[in-house]
Amino acid sequence: MSGDNKTKKHPTLVAAVAATVAMALWMANREPFSFGPLWGTLITLVAVITWVAWLVPTPEGATTGWRETTFGKLPNERLSPMAAVGLALTVMIAGAMLGGYEGLPITIVLALLCLIPPAVRRPGLFVMLAICAIYLPLLGTTSLWGRLTTERSPARSSPATTGSACGGRRTNGSGRSRCCSSGWRR
C-alpha cells in the first residue's frame, strides 16, 4: 500500500474497528432486544464489509463498474443478480414481519424463487440456489423443536419454574419458607 492509499483507508479502519466492537458488545449482551438477531446480523455484516474494504487493496488506475462484472445484467436477461438479491431481501423482510417464525419456510422459498432468473444463466449461482432450497426452508424445524427436546429441557425443571430445586417448600414456625436444597427463602 502506498502512503496516499493508507490515508484514504483510515476512516474504513476506524469503521471496521467500531463495528467489530459493536458486534462483540452485542454478542455479550444478555438482555433480549426486539429484532435482536436481525440487528446482530446487520452489525456483523457491516463489520465484515468494512474489514474487507480495508484489507482489499485499491487498484491503481481505471476501475471496472459493477455492471461489467458478473453481478451485472447479461444481455437478454430479465433481472440482474443485484436486483434479484434486493428483491429477495425485500421479500424476506416483509415475510418475516408479516408471517413471523411460523411463516419462515414459505418466506425463504419465496425469496429463493426471486433468485431463479439470474441463476438460469449462472451455473454457480444455480448450484448455491439448489443447495439453499434443500436446506434453508426446514432449518431447525425438526431438530430444535422436537417434542422430546422441549419436554426434557433444563428450563422446565429449573428452580425458577418449579418453585424450588426439590420441587416443594417447607415452612418453619416463623412463616418463612425453606427449600430443602438451597436454604432459607421468603
N, C-alpha and C. Protein backbone atom coordinates (compact mmCIF):
# COMPACT_ATOMS: atom_id res chain seq x y z
N MET A 1 0.84 -1.18 0.00
CA MET A 1 0.00 0.00 0.00
C MET A 1 0.88 1.24 0.00
N SER A 2 0.49 2.22 -0.74
CA SER A 2 1.22 3.47 -0.74
C SER A 2 0.74 4.34 0.41
N GLY A 3 1.49 5.36 0.72
CA GLY A 3 1.12 6.25 1.81
C GLY A 3 -0.19 6.97 1.55
N ASP A 4 -0.44 7.34 0.27
CA ASP A 4 -1.68 8.01 -0.08
C ASP A 4 -2.87 7.07 0.12
N ASN A 5 -2.69 5.79 -0.18
CA ASN A 5 -3.76 4.81 -0.06
C ASN A 5 -4.11 4.57 1.41
N LYS A 6 -3.10 4.61 2.30
CA LYS A 6 -3.34 4.40 3.72
C LYS A 6 -4.18 5.52 4.31
N THR A 7 -3.93 6.75 3.88
CA THR A 7 -4.70 7.86 4.43
C THR A 7 -6.14 7.80 3.96
N LYS A 8 -6.40 7.30 2.77
CA LYS A 8 -7.77 7.17 2.29
C LYS A 8 -8.51 6.05 3.01
N LYS A 9 -7.80 5.04 3.47
CA LYS A 9 -8.44 3.91 4.12
C LYS A 9 -8.52 4.05 5.63
N HIS A 10 -8.01 5.13 6.19
CA HIS A 10 -8.06 5.33 7.64
C HIS A 10 -9.50 5.34 8.17
N PRO A 11 -10.45 6.06 7.55
CA PRO A 11 -11.83 6.01 8.05
C PRO A 11 -12.44 4.60 7.95
N THR A 12 -12.02 3.84 6.96
CA THR A 12 -12.52 2.48 6.83
C THR A 12 -12.03 1.62 7.98
N LEU A 13 -10.78 1.79 8.39
CA LEU A 13 -10.25 1.04 9.53
C LEU A 13 -10.98 1.42 10.82
N VAL A 14 -11.25 2.70 11.00
CA VAL A 14 -11.97 3.14 12.19
C VAL A 14 -13.38 2.54 12.20
N ALA A 15 -14.05 2.53 11.05
CA ALA A 15 -15.39 1.94 10.96
C ALA A 15 -15.35 0.44 11.21
N ALA A 16 -14.30 -0.23 10.73
CA ALA A 16 -14.19 -1.68 10.93
C ALA A 16 -13.99 -2.01 12.40
N VAL A 17 -13.14 -1.26 13.07
CA VAL A 17 -12.90 -1.50 14.50
C VAL A 17 -14.17 -1.18 15.30
N ALA A 18 -14.84 -0.08 14.96
CA ALA A 18 -16.07 0.29 15.67
C ALA A 18 -17.15 -0.77 15.47
N ALA A 19 -17.29 -1.27 14.26
CA ALA A 19 -18.30 -2.30 14.00
C ALA A 19 -17.95 -3.61 14.71
N THR A 20 -16.66 -3.93 14.80
CA THR A 20 -16.25 -5.15 15.50
C THR A 20 -16.51 -5.02 16.99
N VAL A 21 -16.23 -3.85 17.56
CA VAL A 21 -16.52 -3.63 18.98
C VAL A 21 -18.03 -3.69 19.23
N ALA A 22 -18.81 -3.09 18.34
CA ALA A 22 -20.27 -3.15 18.48
C ALA A 22 -20.77 -4.58 18.38
N MET A 23 -20.18 -5.37 17.49
CA MET A 23 -20.56 -6.77 17.35
C MET A 23 -20.23 -7.55 18.63
N ALA A 24 -19.06 -7.31 19.21
CA ALA A 24 -18.67 -8.00 20.44
C ALA A 24 -19.59 -7.60 21.60
N LEU A 25 -19.93 -6.33 21.69
CA LEU A 25 -20.84 -5.89 22.75
C LEU A 25 -22.24 -6.45 22.56
N TRP A 26 -22.68 -6.55 21.32
CA TRP A 26 -24.00 -7.11 21.04
C TRP A 26 -24.05 -8.58 21.42
N MET A 27 -22.98 -9.32 21.14
CA MET A 27 -22.95 -10.74 21.49
C MET A 27 -22.83 -10.94 22.99
N ALA A 28 -22.21 -10.00 23.71
CA ALA A 28 -22.04 -10.13 25.16
C ALA A 28 -23.30 -9.75 25.93
N ASN A 29 -24.25 -9.11 25.28
CA ASN A 29 -25.47 -8.67 25.95
C ASN A 29 -26.36 -9.86 26.29
N ARG A 30 -26.93 -9.86 27.49
CA ARG A 30 -27.80 -10.95 27.93
C ARG A 30 -29.28 -10.59 27.80
N GLU A 31 -29.59 -9.33 27.69
CA GLU A 31 -30.99 -8.91 27.63
C GLU A 31 -31.53 -9.06 26.21
N PRO A 32 -32.78 -9.54 26.06
CA PRO A 32 -33.35 -9.67 24.72
C PRO A 32 -33.76 -8.30 24.16
N PHE A 33 -33.56 -8.13 22.88
CA PHE A 33 -33.96 -6.92 22.19
C PHE A 33 -35.00 -7.27 21.14
N SER A 34 -35.82 -6.31 20.80
CA SER A 34 -36.76 -6.51 19.70
C SER A 34 -35.97 -6.61 18.40
N PHE A 35 -36.20 -7.65 17.64
CA PHE A 35 -35.47 -7.93 16.40
C PHE A 35 -33.97 -8.07 16.65
N GLY A 36 -33.59 -8.64 17.77
CA GLY A 36 -32.19 -8.79 18.16
C GLY A 36 -31.33 -9.52 17.14
N PRO A 37 -31.76 -10.69 16.64
CA PRO A 37 -30.94 -11.38 15.64
C PRO A 37 -30.77 -10.58 14.35
N LEU A 38 -31.79 -9.83 13.96
CA LEU A 38 -31.68 -9.01 12.75
C LEU A 38 -30.64 -7.91 12.96
N TRP A 39 -30.68 -7.23 14.10
CA TRP A 39 -29.68 -6.19 14.38
C TRP A 39 -28.28 -6.79 14.47
N GLY A 40 -28.16 -7.95 15.11
CA GLY A 40 -26.86 -8.61 15.20
C GLY A 40 -26.31 -8.98 13.84
N THR A 41 -27.20 -9.45 12.95
CA THR A 41 -26.77 -9.78 11.59
C THR A 41 -26.31 -8.55 10.84
N LEU A 42 -27.03 -7.45 10.98
CA LEU A 42 -26.63 -6.22 10.30
C LEU A 42 -25.30 -5.68 10.83
N ILE A 43 -25.10 -5.74 12.14
CA ILE A 43 -23.83 -5.28 12.72
C ILE A 43 -22.68 -6.16 12.22
N THR A 44 -22.89 -7.46 12.18
CA THR A 44 -21.86 -8.38 11.68
C THR A 44 -21.58 -8.12 10.21
N LEU A 45 -22.62 -7.88 9.43
CA LEU A 45 -22.44 -7.60 8.00
C LEU A 45 -21.63 -6.32 7.79
N VAL A 46 -21.92 -5.29 8.56
CA VAL A 46 -21.15 -4.04 8.46
C VAL A 46 -19.70 -4.28 8.85
N ALA A 47 -19.48 -5.07 9.89
CA ALA A 47 -18.10 -5.35 10.31
C ALA A 47 -17.35 -6.10 9.22
N VAL A 48 -17.97 -7.10 8.63
CA VAL A 48 -17.30 -7.87 7.58
C VAL A 48 -17.01 -7.00 6.36
N ILE A 49 -17.98 -6.21 5.95
CA ILE A 49 -17.80 -5.37 4.75
C ILE A 49 -16.70 -4.34 4.98
N THR A 50 -16.66 -3.72 6.16
CA THR A 50 -15.63 -2.71 6.40
C THR A 50 -14.24 -3.33 6.51
N TRP A 51 -14.13 -4.53 7.11
CA TRP A 51 -12.82 -5.19 7.16
C TRP A 51 -12.36 -5.58 5.76
N VAL A 52 -13.26 -6.09 4.94
CA VAL A 52 -12.88 -6.45 3.57
C VAL A 52 -12.48 -5.20 2.79
N ALA A 53 -13.23 -4.11 2.96
CA ALA A 53 -12.90 -2.86 2.26
C ALA A 53 -11.54 -2.32 2.69
N TRP A 54 -11.17 -2.54 3.94
CA TRP A 54 -9.87 -2.06 4.41
C TRP A 54 -8.74 -2.98 3.96
N LEU A 55 -8.99 -4.29 3.93
CA LEU A 55 -7.92 -5.24 3.61
C LEU A 55 -7.66 -5.38 2.11
N VAL A 56 -8.68 -5.24 1.29
CA VAL A 56 -8.50 -5.42 -0.15
C VAL A 56 -7.80 -4.19 -0.71
N PRO A 57 -6.73 -4.40 -1.45
CA PRO A 57 -6.01 -3.24 -1.99
C PRO A 57 -6.83 -2.52 -3.05
N THR A 58 -6.69 -1.21 -3.06
CA THR A 58 -7.37 -0.40 -4.05
C THR A 58 -6.55 -0.41 -5.34
N PRO A 59 -7.19 -0.78 -6.47
CA PRO A 59 -6.42 -0.84 -7.72
C PRO A 59 -6.04 0.56 -8.21
N GLU A 60 -4.87 0.63 -8.79
CA GLU A 60 -4.42 1.88 -9.38
C GLU A 60 -5.02 2.01 -10.78
N GLY A 61 -5.39 3.20 -11.15
CA GLY A 61 -5.91 3.43 -12.50
C GLY A 61 -7.41 3.28 -12.56
N ALA A 62 -7.90 2.93 -13.76
CA ALA A 62 -9.33 2.85 -14.01
C ALA A 62 -9.93 1.63 -13.32
N THR A 63 -11.09 1.82 -12.77
CA THR A 63 -11.79 0.72 -12.11
C THR A 63 -12.94 0.24 -13.00
N THR A 64 -13.36 -0.98 -12.77
CA THR A 64 -14.46 -1.56 -13.52
C THR A 64 -15.75 -1.39 -12.72
N GLY A 65 -16.77 -0.90 -13.37
CA GLY A 65 -18.06 -0.75 -12.70
C GLY A 65 -18.69 -2.11 -12.43
N TRP A 66 -19.56 -2.18 -11.45
CA TRP A 66 -20.14 -3.47 -11.08
C TRP A 66 -21.05 -4.01 -12.17
N ARG A 67 -21.53 -3.16 -13.06
CA ARG A 67 -22.40 -3.64 -14.14
C ARG A 67 -21.62 -4.45 -15.18
N GLU A 68 -20.30 -4.26 -15.24
CA GLU A 68 -19.47 -5.04 -16.16
C GLU A 68 -18.97 -6.33 -15.52
N THR A 69 -19.25 -6.56 -14.26
CA THR A 69 -18.83 -7.78 -13.58
C THR A 69 -19.93 -8.83 -13.67
N THR A 70 -19.74 -9.93 -12.99
CA THR A 70 -20.73 -11.00 -13.01
C THR A 70 -22.02 -10.62 -12.28
N PHE A 71 -21.98 -9.54 -11.49
CA PHE A 71 -23.18 -9.08 -10.80
C PHE A 71 -24.09 -8.25 -11.68
N GLY A 72 -23.59 -7.83 -12.82
CA GLY A 72 -24.37 -7.01 -13.72
C GLY A 72 -25.34 -7.84 -14.55
N LYS A 73 -26.21 -7.14 -15.25
CA LYS A 73 -27.23 -7.77 -16.08
C LYS A 73 -26.62 -8.21 -17.41
N LEU A 74 -26.82 -9.48 -17.75
CA LEU A 74 -26.35 -10.00 -19.03
C LEU A 74 -27.33 -9.61 -20.14
N PRO A 75 -26.88 -9.63 -21.39
CA PRO A 75 -27.81 -9.34 -22.49
C PRO A 75 -28.96 -10.35 -22.50
N ASN A 76 -30.14 -9.89 -22.83
CA ASN A 76 -31.36 -10.70 -22.88
C ASN A 76 -31.70 -11.34 -21.54
N GLU A 77 -31.37 -10.67 -20.46
CA GLU A 77 -31.69 -11.18 -19.13
C GLU A 77 -32.72 -10.25 -18.50
N ARG A 78 -33.70 -10.83 -17.83
CA ARG A 78 -34.78 -10.04 -17.26
C ARG A 78 -34.38 -9.34 -15.96
N LEU A 79 -33.56 -10.00 -15.14
CA LEU A 79 -33.24 -9.47 -13.82
C LEU A 79 -31.77 -9.73 -13.51
N SER A 80 -31.05 -8.68 -13.10
CA SER A 80 -29.64 -8.86 -12.73
C SER A 80 -29.55 -9.51 -11.35
N PRO A 81 -28.41 -10.12 -11.02
CA PRO A 81 -28.27 -10.70 -9.69
C PRO A 81 -28.41 -9.68 -8.56
N MET A 82 -27.93 -8.47 -8.75
CA MET A 82 -28.05 -7.44 -7.71
C MET A 82 -29.52 -7.07 -7.49
N ALA A 83 -30.27 -6.93 -8.55
CA ALA A 83 -31.70 -6.62 -8.40
C ALA A 83 -32.44 -7.80 -7.79
N ALA A 84 -32.06 -9.03 -8.16
CA ALA A 84 -32.70 -10.22 -7.60
C ALA A 84 -32.42 -10.35 -6.10
N VAL A 85 -31.20 -10.04 -5.68
CA VAL A 85 -30.87 -10.10 -4.26
C VAL A 85 -31.65 -9.04 -3.49
N GLY A 86 -31.75 -7.85 -4.06
CA GLY A 86 -32.55 -6.80 -3.43
C GLY A 86 -34.02 -7.19 -3.30
N LEU A 87 -34.56 -7.81 -4.34
CA LEU A 87 -35.94 -8.28 -4.30
C LEU A 87 -36.10 -9.40 -3.27
N ALA A 88 -35.13 -10.32 -3.21
CA ALA A 88 -35.19 -11.41 -2.23
C ALA A 88 -35.10 -10.88 -0.80
N LEU A 89 -34.25 -9.88 -0.56
CA LEU A 89 -34.17 -9.28 0.77
C LEU A 89 -35.48 -8.59 1.15
N THR A 90 -36.10 -7.92 0.20
CA THR A 90 -37.38 -7.28 0.45
C THR A 90 -38.44 -8.31 0.80
N VAL A 91 -38.46 -9.42 0.07
CA VAL A 91 -39.41 -10.49 0.36
C VAL A 91 -39.14 -11.08 1.74
N MET A 92 -37.87 -11.28 2.10
CA MET A 92 -37.54 -11.84 3.41
C MET A 92 -37.97 -10.91 4.55
N ILE A 93 -37.71 -9.63 4.41
CA ILE A 93 -38.08 -8.68 5.47
C ILE A 93 -39.59 -8.59 5.60
N ALA A 94 -40.29 -8.49 4.46
CA ALA A 94 -41.75 -8.42 4.52
C ALA A 94 -42.34 -9.72 5.07
N GLY A 95 -41.82 -10.85 4.64
CA GLY A 95 -42.32 -12.14 5.12
C GLY A 95 -42.05 -12.35 6.59
N ALA A 96 -40.88 -11.92 7.07
CA ALA A 96 -40.56 -12.07 8.48
C ALA A 96 -41.45 -11.18 9.34
N MET A 97 -41.76 -9.99 8.86
CA MET A 97 -42.61 -9.09 9.63
C MET A 97 -44.07 -9.54 9.61
N LEU A 98 -44.53 -10.07 8.49
CA LEU A 98 -45.93 -10.47 8.38
C LEU A 98 -46.18 -11.88 8.89
N GLY A 99 -45.30 -12.82 8.57
CA GLY A 99 -45.55 -14.21 8.90
C GLY A 99 -44.91 -14.70 10.18
N GLY A 100 -43.87 -14.00 10.65
CA GLY A 100 -43.19 -14.44 11.85
C GLY A 100 -42.46 -15.76 11.64
N TYR A 101 -42.20 -16.46 12.75
CA TYR A 101 -41.44 -17.71 12.66
C TYR A 101 -42.24 -18.80 11.95
N GLU A 102 -43.55 -18.80 12.15
CA GLU A 102 -44.36 -19.85 11.55
C GLU A 102 -44.33 -19.79 10.02
N GLY A 103 -44.24 -18.60 9.46
CA GLY A 103 -44.23 -18.44 8.02
C GLY A 103 -42.84 -18.39 7.42
N LEU A 104 -41.81 -18.64 8.22
CA LEU A 104 -40.44 -18.51 7.74
C LEU A 104 -40.10 -19.47 6.59
N PRO A 105 -40.49 -20.75 6.63
CA PRO A 105 -40.17 -21.61 5.49
C PRO A 105 -40.77 -21.13 4.17
N ILE A 106 -41.99 -20.64 4.21
CA ILE A 106 -42.62 -20.13 2.98
C ILE A 106 -41.91 -18.86 2.52
N THR A 107 -41.54 -18.02 3.47
CA THR A 107 -40.82 -16.78 3.13
C THR A 107 -39.48 -17.09 2.49
N ILE A 108 -38.77 -18.08 3.01
CA ILE A 108 -37.48 -18.46 2.44
C ILE A 108 -37.65 -18.99 1.02
N VAL A 109 -38.65 -19.81 0.81
CA VAL A 109 -38.89 -20.35 -0.54
C VAL A 109 -39.23 -19.23 -1.51
N LEU A 110 -40.06 -18.28 -1.09
CA LEU A 110 -40.40 -17.15 -1.97
C LEU A 110 -39.17 -16.29 -2.28
N ALA A 111 -38.32 -16.08 -1.29
CA ALA A 111 -37.10 -15.30 -1.53
C ALA A 111 -36.16 -16.04 -2.48
N LEU A 112 -36.07 -17.36 -2.34
CA LEU A 112 -35.23 -18.14 -3.26
C LEU A 112 -35.79 -18.13 -4.68
N LEU A 113 -37.10 -18.08 -4.81
CA LEU A 113 -37.70 -18.01 -6.15
C LEU A 113 -37.34 -16.71 -6.86
N CYS A 114 -37.09 -15.65 -6.10
CA CYS A 114 -36.68 -14.38 -6.69
C CYS A 114 -35.30 -14.48 -7.34
N LEU A 115 -34.49 -15.45 -6.91
CA LEU A 115 -33.13 -15.59 -7.43
C LEU A 115 -33.04 -16.53 -8.63
N ILE A 116 -34.14 -17.12 -9.04
CA ILE A 116 -34.10 -18.05 -10.17
C ILE A 116 -33.75 -17.38 -11.50
N PRO A 117 -34.33 -16.22 -11.88
CA PRO A 117 -33.99 -15.64 -13.19
C PRO A 117 -32.49 -15.43 -13.43
N PRO A 118 -31.71 -14.85 -12.50
CA PRO A 118 -30.28 -14.74 -12.79
C PRO A 118 -29.54 -16.07 -12.67
N ALA A 119 -30.08 -17.03 -11.93
CA ALA A 119 -29.41 -18.32 -11.75
C ALA A 119 -29.51 -19.20 -12.99
N VAL A 120 -30.43 -18.89 -13.89
CA VAL A 120 -30.59 -19.71 -15.10
C VAL A 120 -29.33 -19.65 -15.97
N ARG A 121 -28.69 -18.49 -16.04
CA ARG A 121 -27.51 -18.35 -16.90
C ARG A 121 -26.20 -18.34 -16.13
N ARG A 122 -26.26 -18.59 -14.83
CA ARG A 122 -25.06 -18.64 -14.00
C ARG A 122 -25.06 -19.96 -13.23
N PRO A 123 -24.28 -20.93 -13.67
CA PRO A 123 -24.32 -22.26 -13.04
C PRO A 123 -23.92 -22.26 -11.57
N GLY A 124 -22.96 -21.45 -11.17
CA GLY A 124 -22.55 -21.41 -9.77
C GLY A 124 -23.67 -20.91 -8.87
N LEU A 125 -24.36 -19.88 -9.30
CA LEU A 125 -25.48 -19.36 -8.54
C LEU A 125 -26.62 -20.38 -8.49
N PHE A 126 -26.80 -21.12 -9.58
CA PHE A 126 -27.85 -22.14 -9.61
C PHE A 126 -27.56 -23.26 -8.62
N VAL A 127 -26.31 -23.68 -8.51
CA VAL A 127 -25.94 -24.73 -7.55
C VAL A 127 -26.18 -24.24 -6.12
N MET A 128 -25.75 -23.02 -5.81
CA MET A 128 -25.97 -22.49 -4.47
C MET A 128 -27.46 -22.33 -4.18
N LEU A 129 -28.22 -21.94 -5.17
CA LEU A 129 -29.67 -21.79 -5.01
C LEU A 129 -30.33 -23.15 -4.75
N ALA A 130 -29.88 -24.19 -5.44
CA ALA A 130 -30.43 -25.53 -5.23
C ALA A 130 -30.10 -26.04 -3.82
N ILE A 131 -28.88 -25.81 -3.36
CA ILE A 131 -28.50 -26.23 -2.01
C ILE A 131 -29.32 -25.47 -0.97
N CYS A 132 -29.48 -24.18 -1.15
CA CYS A 132 -30.28 -23.39 -0.21
C CYS A 132 -31.74 -23.82 -0.23
N ALA A 133 -32.25 -24.17 -1.40
CA ALA A 133 -33.65 -24.61 -1.49
C ALA A 133 -33.87 -25.93 -0.77
N ILE A 134 -32.84 -26.75 -0.69
CA ILE A 134 -32.97 -28.03 0.01
C ILE A 134 -32.89 -27.82 1.52
N TYR A 135 -31.95 -27.03 1.99
CA TYR A 135 -31.67 -26.95 3.42
C TYR A 135 -32.41 -25.83 4.15
N LEU A 136 -32.49 -24.64 3.61
CA LEU A 136 -32.97 -23.50 4.37
C LEU A 136 -34.43 -23.56 4.82
N PRO A 137 -35.38 -23.99 4.00
CA PRO A 137 -36.77 -23.96 4.48
C PRO A 137 -37.03 -24.82 5.72
N LEU A 138 -36.29 -25.88 5.90
CA LEU A 138 -36.53 -26.76 7.05
C LEU A 138 -35.47 -26.63 8.12
N LEU A 139 -34.64 -25.62 8.05
CA LEU A 139 -33.56 -25.44 9.00
C LEU A 139 -34.11 -25.22 10.41
N GLY A 140 -33.83 -26.15 11.30
CA GLY A 140 -34.22 -26.01 12.68
C GLY A 140 -35.64 -26.42 13.01
N THR A 141 -36.45 -26.79 12.04
CA THR A 141 -37.84 -27.08 12.35
C THR A 141 -38.02 -28.44 13.01
N THR A 142 -37.16 -29.39 12.73
CA THR A 142 -37.34 -30.70 13.36
C THR A 142 -36.34 -30.96 14.47
N SER A 143 -35.11 -30.55 14.32
CA SER A 143 -34.11 -30.90 15.32
C SER A 143 -34.18 -30.03 16.56
N LEU A 144 -34.52 -28.76 16.43
CA LEU A 144 -34.51 -27.87 17.57
C LEU A 144 -35.83 -27.82 18.32
N TRP A 145 -36.92 -28.16 17.68
CA TRP A 145 -38.23 -28.01 18.31
C TRP A 145 -38.97 -29.33 18.42
N GLY A 146 -38.24 -30.41 18.55
CA GLY A 146 -38.88 -31.72 18.69
C GLY A 146 -39.58 -31.85 20.03
N ARG A 147 -40.52 -32.77 20.13
CA ARG A 147 -41.31 -32.97 21.34
C ARG A 147 -40.42 -33.32 22.53
N LEU A 148 -39.47 -34.23 22.34
CA LEU A 148 -38.61 -34.63 23.45
C LEU A 148 -37.65 -33.53 23.87
N THR A 149 -37.26 -32.68 22.95
CA THR A 149 -36.36 -31.59 23.29
C THR A 149 -37.03 -30.60 24.23
N THR A 150 -38.28 -30.25 23.97
CA THR A 150 -38.95 -29.26 24.82
C THR A 150 -39.46 -29.87 26.11
N GLU A 151 -39.82 -31.14 26.13
CA GLU A 151 -40.33 -31.75 27.35
C GLU A 151 -39.24 -31.97 28.38
N ARG A 152 -38.05 -32.28 27.95
CA ARG A 152 -36.97 -32.60 28.88
C ARG A 152 -35.92 -31.51 28.98
N SER A 153 -36.30 -30.32 28.63
CA SER A 153 -35.32 -29.24 28.67
C SER A 153 -35.05 -28.84 30.12
N PRO A 154 -33.83 -28.37 30.42
CA PRO A 154 -33.50 -27.98 31.79
C PRO A 154 -34.33 -26.79 32.28
N ALA A 155 -34.82 -25.96 31.38
CA ALA A 155 -35.59 -24.79 31.79
C ALA A 155 -36.92 -25.20 32.42
N ARG A 156 -37.48 -26.32 32.03
CA ARG A 156 -38.76 -26.75 32.58
C ARG A 156 -38.63 -27.27 34.00
N SER A 157 -37.47 -27.75 34.36
CA SER A 157 -37.31 -28.30 35.70
C SER A 157 -36.42 -27.44 36.58
N SER A 158 -36.19 -26.20 36.19
CA SER A 158 -35.32 -25.34 36.98
C SER A 158 -36.07 -24.81 38.20
N PRO A 159 -35.34 -24.35 39.22
CA PRO A 159 -36.00 -23.80 40.41
C PRO A 159 -36.89 -22.61 40.10
N ALA A 160 -36.58 -21.85 39.07
CA ALA A 160 -37.40 -20.69 38.75
C ALA A 160 -38.79 -21.10 38.28
N THR A 161 -38.93 -22.26 37.64
CA THR A 161 -40.23 -22.67 37.12
C THR A 161 -40.99 -23.57 38.08
N THR A 162 -40.31 -24.32 38.94
CA THR A 162 -41.00 -25.23 39.85
C THR A 162 -41.13 -24.66 41.25
N GLY A 163 -40.49 -23.58 41.55
CA GLY A 163 -40.58 -23.00 42.87
C GLY A 163 -39.37 -23.31 43.72
N SER A 164 -38.73 -24.43 43.53
CA SER A 164 -37.53 -24.77 44.26
C SER A 164 -36.80 -25.89 43.55
N ALA A 165 -35.60 -26.12 43.99
CA ALA A 165 -34.81 -27.16 43.34
C ALA A 165 -35.34 -28.54 43.65
N CYS A 166 -36.02 -28.71 44.80
CA CYS A 166 -36.51 -30.04 45.16
C CYS A 166 -37.96 -30.23 44.77
N GLY A 167 -38.62 -29.20 44.24
CA GLY A 167 -40.00 -29.34 43.81
C GLY A 167 -41.01 -29.01 44.88
N GLY A 168 -40.62 -28.67 46.07
CA GLY A 168 -41.58 -28.34 47.12
C GLY A 168 -40.97 -27.39 48.14
N ARG A 169 -41.80 -26.84 48.99
CA ARG A 169 -41.33 -25.90 50.01
C ARG A 169 -41.72 -26.43 51.38
N ARG A 170 -40.88 -26.14 52.31
CA ARG A 170 -41.16 -26.47 53.70
C ARG A 170 -41.17 -25.17 54.49
N THR A 171 -42.00 -25.07 55.45
CA THR A 171 -42.06 -23.86 56.25
C THR A 171 -41.70 -24.18 57.69
N ASN A 172 -41.17 -23.17 58.36
CA ASN A 172 -40.92 -23.33 59.79
C ASN A 172 -41.96 -22.53 60.56
N GLY A 173 -41.85 -22.44 61.83
CA GLY A 173 -42.86 -21.77 62.64
C GLY A 173 -42.94 -20.28 62.43
N SER A 174 -41.92 -19.61 61.89
CA SER A 174 -41.92 -18.15 61.74
C SER A 174 -42.57 -17.69 60.44
N GLY A 175 -43.09 -18.59 59.63
CA GLY A 175 -43.75 -18.21 58.38
C GLY A 175 -42.80 -18.10 57.21
N ARG A 176 -41.52 -18.32 57.45
CA ARG A 176 -40.55 -18.29 56.35
C ARG A 176 -40.53 -19.65 55.70
N SER A 177 -40.39 -19.67 54.39
CA SER A 177 -40.33 -20.94 53.69
C SER A 177 -38.88 -21.32 53.45
N ARG A 178 -38.66 -22.60 53.41
CA ARG A 178 -37.30 -23.08 53.21
C ARG A 178 -37.32 -24.14 52.13
N CYS A 179 -36.44 -24.01 51.17
CA CYS A 179 -36.27 -25.05 50.16
C CYS A 179 -35.31 -26.08 50.71
N CYS A 180 -35.59 -27.32 50.45
CA CYS A 180 -34.77 -28.37 51.06
C CYS A 180 -33.34 -28.41 50.53
N SER A 181 -33.07 -27.80 49.36
CA SER A 181 -31.71 -27.91 48.83
C SER A 181 -30.98 -26.58 48.75
N SER A 182 -31.66 -25.48 48.81
CA SER A 182 -30.96 -24.21 48.61
C SER A 182 -31.06 -23.26 49.80
N GLY A 183 -31.56 -23.71 50.94
CA GLY A 183 -31.54 -22.85 52.12
C GLY A 183 -32.83 -22.11 52.34
N TRP A 184 -32.76 -21.06 53.20
CA TRP A 184 -33.95 -20.32 53.60
C TRP A 184 -34.37 -19.34 52.50
N ARG A 185 -35.68 -19.23 52.31
CA ARG A 185 -36.24 -18.25 51.36
C ARG A 185 -37.49 -17.65 51.98
N ARG A 186 -37.87 -16.50 51.50
CA ARG A 186 -39.13 -15.89 51.94
C ARG A 186 -40.25 -16.34 51.06
